[in-house]
PDB file of N, CA and C in Angstrom:
ATOM      1  N   MET A   1       0.844  -1.174   0.000  1.00  0.00           N
ATOM      2  CA  MET A   1       0.000   0.000   0.000  1.00  0.00           C
ATOM      3  C   MET A   1       0.892   1.240   0.000  1.00  0.00           C
ATOM      4  N   ALA A   2       0.503   2.244  -0.773  1.00  0.00           N
ATOM      5  CA  ALA A   2       1.284   3.478  -0.864  1.00  0.00           C
ATOM      6  C   ALA A   2       1.188   4.265   0.433  1.00  0.00           C
ATOM      7  N   SER A   3       2.185   5.099   0.646  1.00  0.00           N
ATOM      8  CA  SER A   3       2.150   5.934   1.844  1.00  0.00           C
ATOM      9  C   SER A   3       1.081   7.008   1.694  1.00  0.00           C
ATOM     10  N   VAL A   4       0.645   7.521   2.818  1.00  0.00           N
ATOM     11  CA  VAL A   4      -0.388   8.547   2.831  1.00  0.00           C
ATOM     12  C   VAL A   4       0.285   9.879   3.145  1.00  0.00           C
ATOM     13  N   PRO A   5       0.383  10.796   2.148  1.00  0.00           N
ATOM     14  CA  PRO A   5       1.068  12.061   2.381  1.00  0.00           C
ATOM     15  C   PRO A   5       0.408  12.912   3.464  1.00  0.00           C
ATOM     16  N   VAL A   6      -0.907  12.893   3.537  1.00  0.00           N
ATOM     17  CA  VAL A   6      -1.617  13.701   4.522  1.00  0.00           C
ATOM     18  C   VAL A   6      -2.170  12.765   5.587  1.00  0.00           C
ATOM     19  N   GLU A   7      -1.805  13.026   6.828  1.00  0.00           N
ATOM     20  CA  GLU A   7      -2.361  12.251   7.947  1.00  0.00           C
ATOM     21  C   GLU A   7      -3.649  12.930   8.392  1.00  0.00           C
ATOM     22  N   MET A   8      -4.737  12.160   8.480  1.00  0.00           N
ATOM     23  CA  MET A   8      -6.005  12.736   8.895  1.00  0.00           C
ATOM     24  C   MET A   8      -6.860  11.636   9.493  1.00  0.00           C
ATOM     25  N   SER A   9      -7.437  11.917  10.639  1.00  0.00           N
ATOM     26  CA  SER A   9      -8.299  10.927  11.284  1.00  0.00           C
ATOM     27  C   SER A   9      -9.581  10.749  10.482  1.00  0.00           C
ATOM     28  N   ARG A  10     -10.192   9.611  10.685  1.00  0.00           N
ATOM     29  CA  ARG A  10     -11.467   9.351  10.022  1.00  0.00           C
ATOM     30  C   ARG A  10     -12.501  10.385  10.450  1.00  0.00           C
ATOM     31  N   GLU A  11     -12.470  10.772  11.730  1.00  0.00           N
ATOM     32  CA  GLU A  11     -13.432  11.752  12.243  1.00  0.00           C
ATOM     33  C   GLU A  11     -13.284  13.083  11.509  1.00  0.00           C
ATOM     34  N   ARG A  12     -12.044  13.538  11.343  1.00  0.00           N
ATOM     35  CA  ARG A  12     -11.807  14.807  10.644  1.00  0.00           C
ATOM     36  C   ARG A  12     -12.228  14.697   9.187  1.00  0.00           C
ATOM     37  N   PHE A  13     -11.948  13.568   8.553  1.00  0.00           N
ATOM     38  CA  PHE A  13     -12.339  13.373   7.161  1.00  0.00           C
ATOM     39  C   PHE A  13     -13.863  13.411   7.040  1.00  0.00           C
ATOM     40  N   GLU A  14     -14.558  12.761   7.972  1.00  0.00           N
ATOM     41  CA  GLU A  14     -16.024  12.778   7.953  1.00  0.00           C
ATOM     42  C   GLU A  14     -16.553  14.196   8.142  1.00  0.00           C
ATOM     43  N   GLU A  15     -15.873  14.988   8.979  1.00  0.00           N
ATOM     44  CA  GLU A  15     -16.252  16.401   9.137  1.00  0.00           C
ATOM     45  C   GLU A  15     -16.146  17.130   7.803  1.00  0.00           C
ATOM     46  N   LEU A  16     -15.071  16.860   7.059  1.00  0.00           N
ATOM     47  CA  LEU A  16     -14.892  17.517   5.763  1.00  0.00           C
ATOM     48  C   LEU A  16     -15.988  17.124   4.779  1.00  0.00           C
ATOM     49  N   VAL A  17     -16.415  15.870   4.814  1.00  0.00           N
ATOM     50  CA  VAL A  17     -17.525  15.439   3.961  1.00  0.00           C
ATOM     51  C   VAL A  17     -18.789  16.203   4.360  1.00  0.00           C
ATOM     52  N   GLY A  18     -19.016  16.332   5.662  1.00  0.00           N
ATOM     53  CA  GLY A  18     -20.172  17.093   6.140  1.00  0.00           C
ATOM     54  C   GLY A  18     -20.111  18.549   5.711  1.00  0.00           C
ATOM     55  N   GLU A  19     -18.915  19.142   5.799  1.00  0.00           N
ATOM     56  CA  GLU A  19     -18.742  20.533   5.378  1.00  0.00           C
ATOM     57  C   GLU A  19     -18.983  20.677   3.878  1.00  0.00           C
ATOM     58  N   ALA A  20     -18.536  19.692   3.091  1.00  0.00           N
ATOM     59  CA  ALA A  20     -18.774  19.730   1.643  1.00  0.00           C
ATOM     60  C   ALA A  20     -20.271  19.668   1.358  1.00  0.00           C
ATOM     61  N   LEU A  21     -20.993  18.837   2.115  1.00  0.00           N
ATOM     62  CA  LEU A  21     -22.448  18.755   1.935  1.00  0.00           C
ATOM     63  C   LEU A  21     -23.118  20.072   2.303  1.00  0.00           C
ATOM     64  N   ASP A  22     -22.576  20.761   3.314  1.00  0.00           N
ATOM     65  CA  ASP A  22     -23.127  22.058   3.702  1.00  0.00           C
ATOM     66  C   ASP A  22     -23.011  23.080   2.580  1.00  0.00           C
ATOM     67  N   GLU A  23     -22.052  22.876   1.679  1.00  0.00           N
ATOM     68  CA  GLU A  23     -21.846  23.804   0.566  1.00  0.00           C
ATOM     69  C   GLU A  23     -22.750  23.513  -0.629  1.00  0.00           C
ATOM     70  N   VAL A  24     -23.402  22.331  -0.624  1.00  0.00           N
ATOM     71  CA  VAL A  24     -24.320  21.995  -1.714  1.00  0.00           C
ATOM     72  C   VAL A  24     -25.566  22.854  -1.538  1.00  0.00           C
ATOM     73  N   PRO A  25     -26.029  23.489  -2.605  1.00  0.00           N
ATOM     74  CA  PRO A  25     -27.221  24.342  -2.477  1.00  0.00           C
ATOM     75  C   PRO A  25     -28.401  23.586  -1.864  1.00  0.00           C
ATOM     76  N   ALA A  26     -29.089  24.255  -0.957  1.00  0.00           N
ATOM     77  CA  ALA A  26     -30.222  23.638  -0.249  1.00  0.00           C
ATOM     78  C   ALA A  26     -31.272  23.116  -1.219  1.00  0.00           C
ATOM     79  N   GLU A  27     -31.456  23.807  -2.342  1.00  0.00           N
ATOM     80  CA  GLU A  27     -32.467  23.375  -3.325  1.00  0.00           C
ATOM     81  C   GLU A  27     -32.140  21.983  -3.858  1.00  0.00           C
ATOM     82  N   LEU A  28     -30.832  21.704  -4.025  1.00  0.00           N
ATOM     83  CA  LEU A  28     -30.436  20.383  -4.503  1.00  0.00           C
ATOM     84  C   LEU A  28     -30.624  19.335  -3.418  1.00  0.00           C
ATOM     85  N   LEU A  29     -30.209  19.667  -2.198  1.00  0.00           N
ATOM     86  CA  LEU A  29     -30.343  18.694  -1.111  1.00  0.00           C
ATOM     87  C   LEU A  29     -31.805  18.320  -0.897  1.00  0.00           C
ATOM     88  N   LYS A  30     -32.709  19.270  -1.080  1.00  0.00           N
ATOM     89  CA  LYS A  30     -34.140  19.002  -0.884  1.00  0.00           C
ATOM     90  C   LYS A  30     -34.673  17.977  -1.877  1.00  0.00           C
ATOM     91  N   VAL A  31     -34.124  17.994  -3.093  1.00  0.00           N
ATOM     92  CA  VAL A  31     -34.645  17.072  -4.110  1.00  0.00           C
ATOM     93  C   VAL A  31     -33.853  15.771  -4.211  1.00  0.00           C
ATOM     94  N   MET A  32     -32.790  15.657  -3.424  1.00  0.00           N
ATOM     95  CA  MET A  32     -32.100  14.361  -3.366  1.00  0.00           C
ATOM     96  C   MET A  32     -33.059  13.391  -2.689  1.00  0.00           C
ATOM     97  N   ASP A  33     -33.250  12.251  -3.314  1.00  0.00           N
ATOM     98  CA  ASP A  33     -34.274  11.340  -2.824  1.00  0.00           C
ATOM     99  C   ASP A  33     -33.699   9.946  -2.609  1.00  0.00           C
ATOM    100  N   ASN A  34     -33.897   9.421  -1.402  1.00  0.00           N
ATOM    101  CA  ASN A  34     -33.544   8.038  -1.093  1.00  0.00           C
ATOM    102  C   ASN A  34     -32.058   7.777  -1.346  1.00  0.00           C
ATOM    103  N   VAL A  35     -31.201   8.585  -0.695  1.00  0.00           N
ATOM    104  CA  VAL A  35     -29.758   8.447  -0.870  1.00  0.00           C
ATOM    105  C   VAL A  35     -29.057   8.652   0.474  1.00  0.00           C
ATOM    106  N   VAL A  36     -28.041   7.844   0.742  1.00  0.00           N
ATOM    107  CA  VAL A  36     -27.216   8.000   1.943  1.00  0.00           C
ATOM    108  C   VAL A  36     -25.780   8.267   1.496  1.00  0.00           C
ATOM    109  N   ILE A  37     -25.052   8.999   2.328  1.00  0.00           N
ATOM    110  CA  ILE A  37     -23.655   9.300   2.049  1.00  0.00           C
ATOM    111  C   ILE A  37     -22.827   8.743   3.197  1.00  0.00           C
ATOM    112  N   VAL A  38     -21.847   7.917   2.844  1.00  0.00           N
ATOM    113  CA  VAL A  38     -21.012   7.264   3.850  1.00  0.00           C
ATOM    114  C   VAL A  38     -19.543   7.458   3.507  1.00  0.00           C
ATOM    115  N   VAL A  39     -18.694   7.274   4.525  1.00  0.00           N
ATOM    116  CA  VAL A  39     -17.245   7.312   4.345  1.00  0.00           C
ATOM    117  C   VAL A  39     -16.703   5.911   4.602  1.00  0.00           C
ATOM    118  N   GLU A  40     -15.850   5.440   3.706  1.00  0.00           N
ATOM    119  CA  GLU A  40     -15.134   4.178   3.883  1.00  0.00           C
ATOM    120  C   GLU A  40     -13.649   4.479   3.725  1.00  0.00           C
ATOM    121  N   ASP A  41     -12.809   3.637   4.327  1.00  0.00           N
ATOM    122  CA  ASP A  41     -11.372   3.856   4.213  1.00  0.00           C
ATOM    123  C   ASP A  41     -10.837   3.510   2.827  1.00  0.00           C
ATOM    124  N   GLU A  42     -11.278   2.384   2.270  1.00  0.00           N
ATOM    125  CA  GLU A  42     -10.763   1.910   0.981  1.00  0.00           C
ATOM    126  C   GLU A  42     -11.907   1.467   0.075  1.00  0.00           C
ATOM    127  N   PRO A  43     -11.761   1.654  -1.244  1.00  0.00           N
ATOM    128  CA  PRO A  43     -12.766   1.142  -2.181  1.00  0.00           C
ATOM    129  C   PRO A  43     -12.672  -0.377  -2.285  1.00  0.00           C
ATOM    130  N   PRO A  44     -13.721  -1.006  -2.795  1.00  0.00           N
ATOM    131  CA  PRO A  44     -13.719  -2.466  -2.929  1.00  0.00           C
ATOM    132  C   PRO A  44     -12.689  -2.940  -3.953  1.00  0.00           C
ATOM    133  N   ASP A  45     -12.139  -4.105  -3.707  1.00  0.00           N
ATOM    134  CA  ASP A  45     -11.252  -4.789  -4.658  1.00  0.00           C
ATOM    135  C   ASP A  45     -10.066  -3.944  -5.098  1.00  0.00           C
ATOM    136  N   GLY A  46      -9.601  -3.055  -4.244  1.00  0.00           N
ATOM    137  CA  GLY A  46      -8.429  -2.257  -4.579  1.00  0.00           C
ATOM    138  C   GLY A  46      -8.631  -1.308  -5.745  1.00  0.00           C
ATOM    139  N   GLU A  47      -9.878  -1.000  -6.080  1.00  0.00           N
ATOM    140  CA  GLU A  47     -10.136  -0.058  -7.177  1.00  0.00           C
ATOM    141  C   GLU A  47      -9.558   1.299  -6.819  1.00  0.00           C
ATOM    142  N   ASP A  48      -9.255   2.085  -7.827  1.00  0.00           N
ATOM    143  CA  ASP A  48      -8.662   3.402  -7.625  1.00  0.00           C
ATOM    144  C   ASP A  48      -9.765   4.459  -7.719  1.00  0.00           C
ATOM    145  N   LEU A  49     -10.542   4.586  -6.647  1.00  0.00           N
ATOM    146  CA  LEU A  49     -11.677   5.502  -6.640  1.00  0.00           C
ATOM    147  C   LEU A  49     -11.595   6.452  -5.457  1.00  0.00           C
ATOM    148  N   LEU A  50     -12.034   7.688  -5.659  1.00  0.00           N
ATOM    149  CA  LEU A  50     -12.172   8.630  -4.555  1.00  0.00           C
ATOM    150  C   LEU A  50     -13.601   8.617  -4.031  1.00  0.00           C
ATOM    151  N   GLY A  51     -14.531   8.301  -4.926  1.00  0.00           N
ATOM    152  CA  GLY A  51     -15.943   8.236  -4.548  1.00  0.00           C
ATOM    153  C   GLY A  51     -16.681   7.309  -5.479  1.00  0.00           C
ATOM    154  N   LEU A  52     -17.853   6.877  -5.044  1.00  0.00           N
ATOM    155  CA  LEU A  52     -18.652   5.953  -5.848  1.00  0.00           C
ATOM    156  C   LEU A  52     -20.127   6.202  -5.586  1.00  0.00           C
ATOM    157  N   TYR A  53     -20.893   6.308  -6.677  1.00  0.00           N
ATOM    158  CA  TYR A  53     -22.352   6.393  -6.590  1.00  0.00           C
ATOM    159  C   TYR A  53     -22.925   5.052  -7.000  1.00  0.00           C
ATOM    160  N   GLU A  54     -23.765   4.488  -6.143  1.00  0.00           N
ATOM    161  CA  GLU A  54     -24.430   3.227  -6.457  1.00  0.00           C
ATOM    162  C   GLU A  54     -25.926   3.432  -6.280  1.00  0.00           C
ATOM    163  N   GLY A  55     -26.665   3.200  -7.342  1.00  0.00           N
ATOM    164  CA  GLY A  55     -28.108   3.343  -7.239  1.00  0.00           C
ATOM    165  C   GLY A  55     -28.731   3.627  -8.584  1.00  0.00           C
ATOM    166  N   THR A  56     -29.937   4.171  -8.532  1.00  0.00           N
ATOM    167  CA  THR A  56     -30.681   4.525  -9.724  1.00  0.00           C
ATOM    168  C   THR A  56     -30.827   6.036  -9.754  1.00  0.00           C
ATOM    169  N   ALA A  57     -30.220   6.661 -10.753  1.00  0.00           N
ATOM    170  CA  ALA A  57     -30.284   8.117 -10.862  1.00  0.00           C
ATOM    171  C   ALA A  57     -31.729   8.589 -10.930  1.00  0.00           C
ATOM    172  N   LEU A  58     -31.969   9.790 -10.431  1.00  0.00           N
ATOM    173  CA  LEU A  58     -33.324  10.344 -10.453  1.00  0.00           C
ATOM    174  C   LEU A  58     -33.899  10.361 -11.860  1.00  0.00           C
ATOM    175  N   THR A  59     -33.055  10.612 -12.844  1.00  0.00           N
ATOM    176  CA  THR A  59     -33.517  10.684 -14.236  1.00  0.00           C
ATOM    177  C   THR A  59     -33.903   9.326 -14.803  1.00  0.00           C
ATOM    178  N   GLU A  60     -33.520   8.242 -14.116  1.00  0.00           N
ATOM    179  CA  GLU A  60     -33.823   6.895 -14.608  1.00  0.00           C
ATOM    180  C   GLU A  60     -34.914   6.193 -13.808  1.00  0.00           C
ATOM    181  N   ARG A  61     -35.448   6.867 -12.814  1.00  0.00           N
ATOM    182  CA  ARG A  61     -36.480   6.241 -11.990  1.00  0.00           C
ATOM    183  C   ARG A  61     -37.827   6.360 -12.676  1.00  0.00           C
ATOM    184  N   GLY A  62     -38.493   5.234 -12.797  1.00  0.00           N
ATOM    185  CA  GLY A  62     -39.806   5.211 -13.441  1.00  0.00           C
ATOM    186  C   GLY A  62     -40.926   5.076 -12.424  1.00  0.00           C
ATOM    187  N   TRP A  63     -42.117   4.848 -12.931  1.00  0.00           N
ATOM    188  CA  TRP A  63     -43.295   4.733 -12.076  1.00  0.00           C
ATOM    189  C   TRP A  63     -43.171   3.564 -11.104  1.00  0.00           C
ATOM    190  N   ASP A  64     -42.366   2.574 -11.458  1.00  0.00           N
ATOM    191  CA  ASP A  64     -42.229   1.379 -10.626  1.00  0.00           C
ATOM    192  C   ASP A  64     -41.117   1.487  -9.580  1.00  0.00           C
ATOM    193  N   TYR A  65     -40.512   2.678  -9.434  1.00  0.00           N
ATOM    194  CA  TYR A  65     -39.447   2.850  -8.440  1.00  0.00           C
ATOM    195  C   TYR A  65     -40.086   3.018  -7.068  1.00  0.00           C
ATOM    196  N   ALA A  66     -39.996   1.968  -6.275  1.00  0.00           N
ATOM    197  CA  ALA A  66     -40.561   2.019  -4.917  1.00  0.00           C
ATOM    198  C   ALA A  66     -40.013   0.853  -4.118  1.00  0.00           C
ATOM    199  N   GLY A  67     -39.944   1.034  -2.820  1.00  0.00           N
ATOM    200  CA  GLY A  67     -39.544  -0.046  -1.935  1.00  0.00           C
ATOM    201  C   GLY A  67     -38.123  -0.540  -2.137  1.00  0.00           C
ATOM    202  N   VAL A  68     -37.238   0.338  -2.577  1.00  0.00           N
ATOM    203  CA  VAL A  68     -35.851  -0.068  -2.809  1.00  0.00           C
ATOM    204  C   VAL A  68     -34.950   0.512  -1.723  1.00  0.00           C
ATOM    205  N   LEU A  69     -33.807  -0.120  -1.532  1.00  0.00           N
ATOM    206  CA  LEU A  69     -32.823   0.409  -0.594  1.00  0.00           C
ATOM    207  C   LEU A  69     -32.336   1.764  -1.101  1.00  0.00           C
ATOM    208  N   PRO A  70     -31.880   2.614  -0.189  1.00  0.00           N
ATOM    209  CA  PRO A  70     -31.395   3.925  -0.635  1.00  0.00           C
ATOM    210  C   PRO A  70     -30.191   3.807  -1.559  1.00  0.00           C
ATOM    211  N   ASP A  71     -30.083   4.780  -2.474  1.00  0.00           N
ATOM    212  CA  ASP A  71     -28.852   4.919  -3.244  1.00  0.00           C
ATOM    213  C   ASP A  71     -27.743   5.198  -2.239  1.00  0.00           C
ATOM    214  N   ARG A  72     -26.527   4.910  -2.651  1.00  0.00           N
ATOM    215  CA  ARG A  72     -25.398   5.058  -1.727  1.00  0.00           C
ATOM    216  C   ARG A  72     -24.280   5.836  -2.416  1.00  0.00           C
ATOM    217  N   ILE A  73     -23.844   6.898  -1.758  1.00  0.00           N
ATOM    218  CA  ILE A  73     -22.666   7.628  -2.189  1.00  0.00           C
ATOM    219  C   ILE A  73     -21.590   7.337  -1.158  1.00  0.00           C
ATOM    220  N   THR A  74     -20.474   6.793  -1.622  1.00  0.00           N
ATOM    221  CA  THR A  74     -19.368   6.481  -0.724  1.00  0.00           C
ATOM    222  C   THR A  74     -18.186   7.374  -1.088  1.00  0.00           C
ATOM    223  N   ILE A  75     -17.606   8.000  -0.065  1.00  0.00           N
ATOM    224  CA  ILE A  75     -16.403   8.800  -0.233  1.00  0.00           C
ATOM    225  C   ILE A  75     -15.275   8.018   0.439  1.00  0.00           C
ATOM    226  N   TYR A  76     -14.199   7.767  -0.310  1.00  0.00           N
ATOM    227  CA  TYR A  76     -13.108   6.922   0.176  1.00  0.00           C
ATOM    228  C   TYR A  76     -11.972   7.777   0.745  1.00  0.00           C
ATOM    229  N   ARG A  77     -11.679   7.568   2.010  1.00  0.00           N
ATOM    230  CA  ARG A  77     -10.709   8.383   2.743  1.00  0.00           C
ATOM    231  C   ARG A  77      -9.270   8.177   2.267  1.00  0.00           C
ATOM    232  N   ASN A  78      -8.770   6.953   2.332  1.00  0.00           N
ATOM    233  CA  ASN A  78      -7.350   6.730   2.047  1.00  0.00           C
ATOM    234  C   ASN A  78      -6.938   7.101   0.618  1.00  0.00           C
ATOM    235  N   PRO A  79      -7.715   6.731  -0.411  1.00  0.00           N
ATOM    236  CA  PRO A  79      -7.321   7.167  -1.759  1.00  0.00           C
ATOM    237  C   PRO A  79      -7.291   8.692  -1.889  1.00  0.00           C
ATOM    238  N   THR A  80      -8.221   9.361  -1.222  1.00  0.00           N
ATOM    239  CA  THR A  80      -8.234  10.825  -1.265  1.00  0.00           C
ATOM    240  C   THR A  80      -6.977  11.378  -0.609  1.00  0.00           C
ATOM    241  N   LEU A  81      -6.618  10.826   0.558  1.00  0.00           N
ATOM    242  CA  LEU A  81      -5.413  11.301   1.239  1.00  0.00           C
ATOM    243  C   LEU A  81      -4.160  11.033   0.412  1.00  0.00           C
ATOM    244  N   ARG A  82      -4.159   9.922  -0.338  1.00  0.00           N
ATOM    245  CA  ARG A  82      -2.985   9.575  -1.138  1.00  0.00           C
ATOM    246  C   ARG A  82      -2.747  10.547  -2.296  1.00  0.00           C
ATOM    247  N   VAL A  83      -3.803  11.173  -2.812  1.00  0.00           N
ATOM    248  CA  VAL A  83      -3.621  12.081  -3.956  1.00  0.00           C
ATOM    249  C   VAL A  83      -3.442  13.530  -3.524  1.00  0.00           C
ATOM    250  N   CYS A  84      -3.456  13.784  -2.228  1.00  0.00           N
ATOM    251  CA  CYS A  84      -3.357  15.145  -1.716  1.00  0.00           C
ATOM    252  C   CYS A  84      -2.033  15.366  -0.981  1.00  0.00           C
ATOM    253  N   ASP A  85      -1.560  16.619  -1.032  1.00  0.00           N
ATOM    254  CA  ASP A  85      -0.308  16.975  -0.366  1.00  0.00           C
ATOM    255  C   ASP A  85      -0.531  17.740   0.935  1.00  0.00           C
ATOM    256  N   THR A  86      -1.683  18.416   1.047  1.00  0.00           N
ATOM    257  CA  THR A  86      -1.961  19.228   2.235  1.00  0.00           C
ATOM    258  C   THR A  86      -3.412  19.043   2.662  1.00  0.00           C
ATOM    259  N   GLU A  87      -3.725  19.486   3.865  1.00  0.00           N
ATOM    260  CA  GLU A  87      -5.120  19.414   4.315  1.00  0.00           C
ATOM    261  C   GLU A  87      -6.017  20.263   3.419  1.00  0.00           C
ATOM    262  N   THR A  88      -5.504  21.387   2.939  1.00  0.00           N
ATOM    263  CA  THR A  88      -6.289  22.223   2.022  1.00  0.00           C
ATOM    264  C   THR A  88      -6.631  21.443   0.753  1.00  0.00           C
ATOM    265  N   ASP A  89      -5.666  20.678   0.244  1.00  0.00           N
ATOM    266  CA  ASP A  89      -5.928  19.830  -0.927  1.00  0.00           C
ATOM    267  C   ASP A  89      -7.042  18.827  -0.619  1.00  0.00           C
ATOM    268  N   VAL A  90      -7.018  18.256   0.580  1.00  0.00           N
ATOM    269  CA  VAL A  90      -8.043  17.281   0.973  1.00  0.00           C
ATOM    270  C   VAL A  90      -9.412  17.957   1.005  1.00  0.00           C
ATOM    271  N   ILE A  91      -9.486  19.139   1.592  1.00  0.00           N
ATOM    272  CA  ILE A  91     -10.757  19.875   1.651  1.00  0.00           C
ATOM    273  C   ILE A  91     -11.309  20.082   0.242  1.00  0.00           C
ATOM    274  N   ASP A  92     -10.444  20.533  -0.671  1.00  0.00           N
ATOM    275  CA  ASP A  92     -10.877  20.773  -2.053  1.00  0.00           C
ATOM    276  C   ASP A  92     -11.294  19.479  -2.741  1.00  0.00           C
ATOM    277  N   GLU A  93     -10.496  18.422  -2.578  1.00  0.00           N
ATOM    278  CA  GLU A  93     -10.785  17.149  -3.250  1.00  0.00           C
ATOM    279  C   GLU A  93     -12.076  16.525  -2.726  1.00  0.00           C
ATOM    280  N   VAL A  94     -12.304  16.598  -1.421  1.00  0.00           N
ATOM    281  CA  VAL A  94     -13.548  16.065  -0.850  1.00  0.00           C
ATOM    282  C   VAL A  94     -14.741  16.820  -1.423  1.00  0.00           C
ATOM    283  N   ALA A  95     -14.643  18.145  -1.500  1.00  0.00           N
ATOM    284  CA  ALA A  95     -15.755  18.938  -2.044  1.00  0.00           C
ATOM    285  C   ALA A  95     -16.044  18.548  -3.490  1.00  0.00           C
ATOM    286  N   ILE A  96     -14.993  18.399  -4.297  1.00  0.00           N
ATOM    287  CA  ILE A  96     -15.168  18.015  -5.702  1.00  0.00           C
ATOM    288  C   ILE A  96     -15.791  16.619  -5.793  1.00  0.00           C
ATOM    289  N   THR A  97     -15.312  15.690  -4.982  1.00  0.00           N
ATOM    290  CA  THR A  97     -15.815  14.312  -5.036  1.00  0.00           C
ATOM    291  C   THR A  97     -17.270  14.248  -4.602  1.00  0.00           C
ATOM    292  N   VAL A  98     -17.625  14.964  -3.552  1.00  0.00           N
ATOM    293  CA  VAL A  98     -19.022  14.969  -3.091  1.00  0.00           C
ATOM    294  C   VAL A  98     -19.933  15.515  -4.191  1.00  0.00           C
ATOM    295  N   VAL A  99     -19.567  16.644  -4.792  1.00  0.00           N
ATOM    296  CA  VAL A  99     -20.372  17.221  -5.876  1.00  0.00           C
ATOM    297  C   VAL A  99     -20.470  16.237  -7.044  1.00  0.00           C
ATOM    298  N   HIS A 100     -19.343  15.618  -7.381  1.00  0.00           N
ATOM    299  CA  HIS A 100     -19.283  14.669  -8.492  1.00  0.00           C
ATOM    300  C   HIS A 100     -20.275  13.516  -8.281  1.00  0.00           C
ATOM    301  N   GLU A 101     -20.268  12.934  -7.085  1.00  0.00           N
ATOM    302  CA  GLU A 101     -21.143  11.781  -6.829  1.00  0.00           C
ATOM    303  C   GLU A 101     -22.604  12.198  -6.716  1.00  0.00           C
ATOM    304  N   ILE A 102     -22.865  13.367  -6.151  1.00  0.00           N
ATOM    305  CA  ILE A 102     -24.252  13.870  -6.108  1.00  0.00           C
ATOM    306  C   ILE A 102     -24.753  14.103  -7.531  1.00  0.00           C
ATOM    307  N   ALA A 103     -23.877  14.605  -8.398  1.00  0.00           N
ATOM    308  CA  ALA A 103     -24.270  14.818  -9.795  1.00  0.00           C
ATOM    309  C   ALA A 103     -24.716  13.506 -10.441  1.00  0.00           C
ATOM    310  N   HIS A 104     -24.024  12.406 -10.134  1.00  0.00           N
ATOM    311  CA  HIS A 104     -24.446  11.110 -10.673  1.00  0.00           C
ATOM    312  C   HIS A 104     -25.844  10.756 -10.183  1.00  0.00           C
ATOM    313  N   HIS A 105     -26.178  11.095  -8.940  1.00  0.00           N
ATOM    314  CA  HIS A 105     -27.526  10.857  -8.409  1.00  0.00           C
ATOM    315  C   HIS A 105     -28.565  11.594  -9.257  1.00  0.00           C
ATOM    316  N   PHE A 106     -28.190  12.753  -9.779  1.00  0.00           N
ATOM    317  CA  PHE A 106     -29.092  13.542 -10.624  1.00  0.00           C
ATOM    318  C   PHE A 106     -28.998  13.161 -12.097  1.00  0.00           C
ATOM    319  N   GLY A 107     -28.217  12.124 -12.411  1.00  0.00           N
ATOM    320  CA  GLY A 107     -28.149  11.634 -13.783  1.00  0.00           C
ATOM    321  C   GLY A 107     -27.132  12.343 -14.656  1.00  0.00           C
ATOM    322  N   ILE A 108     -26.213  13.093 -14.056  1.00  0.00           N
ATOM    323  CA  ILE A 108     -25.175  13.786 -14.819  1.00  0.00           C
ATOM    324  C   ILE A 108     -23.967  12.857 -14.937  1.00  0.00           C
ATOM    325  N   ASP A 109     -23.555  12.567 -16.167  1.00  0.00           N
ATOM    326  CA  ASP A 109     -22.458  11.611 -16.355  1.00  0.00           C
ATOM    327  C   ASP A 109     -21.090  12.297 -16.307  1.00  0.00           C
ATOM    328  N   ASP A 110     -20.040  11.486 -16.298  1.00  0.00           N
ATOM    329  CA  ASP A 110     -18.674  12.000 -16.190  1.00  0.00           C
ATOM    330  C   ASP A 110     -18.334  12.979 -17.315  1.00  0.00           C
ATOM    331  N   HIS A 111     -18.770  12.678 -18.526  1.00  0.00           N
ATOM    332  CA  HIS A 111     -18.471  13.550 -19.666  1.00  0.00           C
ATOM    333  C   HIS A 111     -19.036  14.950 -19.432  1.00  0.00           C
ATOM    334  N   ARG A 112     -20.287  15.020 -19.000  1.00  0.00           N
ATOM    335  CA  ARG A 112     -20.923  16.327 -18.749  1.00  0.00           C
ATOM    336  C   ARG A 112     -20.246  17.037 -17.578  1.00  0.00           C
ATOM    337  N   LEU A 113     -19.858  16.278 -16.545  1.00  0.00           N
ATOM    338  CA  LEU A 113     -19.166  16.887 -15.411  1.00  0.00           C
ATOM    339  C   LEU A 113     -17.847  17.525 -15.848  1.00  0.00           C
ATOM    340  N   HIS A 114     -17.132  16.852 -16.744  1.00  0.00           N
ATOM    341  CA  HIS A 114     -15.875  17.406 -17.259  1.00  0.00           C
ATOM    342  C   HIS A 114     -16.153  18.688 -18.034  1.00  0.00           C
ATOM    343  N   GLU A 115     -17.236  18.696 -18.838  1.00  0.00           N
ATOM    344  CA  GLU A 115     -17.601  19.895 -19.582  1.00  0.00           C
ATOM    345  C   GLU A 115     -17.905  21.057 -18.642  1.00  0.00           C
ATOM    346  N   LEU A 116     -18.475  20.755 -17.463  1.00  0.00           N
ATOM    347  CA  LEU A 116     -18.832  21.780 -16.495  1.00  0.00           C
ATOM    348  C   LEU A 116     -17.662  22.186 -15.608  1.00  0.00           C
ATOM    349  N   GLY A 117     -16.504  21.540 -15.822  1.00  0.00           N
ATOM    350  CA  GLY A 117     -15.328  21.894 -15.042  1.00  0.00           C
ATOM    351  C   GLY A 117     -15.182  21.146 -13.725  1.00  0.00           C
ATOM    352  N   TRP A 118     -15.905  20.045 -13.568  1.00  0.00           N
ATOM    353  CA  TRP A 118     -15.844  19.243 -12.348  1.00  0.00           C
ATOM    354  C   TRP A 118     -15.116  17.931 -12.608  1.00  0.00           C
ATOM    355  N   GLY A 119     -14.131  17.950 -13.514  1.00  0.00           N
ATOM    356  CA  GLY A 119     -13.390  16.759 -13.888  1.00  0.00           C
ATOM    357  C   GLY A 119     -12.622  16.208 -12.773  1.00  0.00           C
TER     358      GLY A 119
END
């Protein structure tokens, strides 16, 4: 496993995720439906991910969408710390990752996110 340039407790990292969510416009948070946001230390199977959206985007939900488990947005702590040099970098990267994964919940794909400058 690679070294972690920035040392940060899980509690502090979770605070940063919470702070990033506080920056999401209230209008968007109100329309987020059936989604949970969690922090994990590592992605599954050693994948190289900072965040992951799992679920059915709002744009793909039909009349039969009911009784399902919540969508899940996972923000991965250790990979984020590995790509950052300072705590400020971590704050910025967490904010970008949170916005990126929320965008997937709204049906915005990676290509469109790159066009919007959220690459």
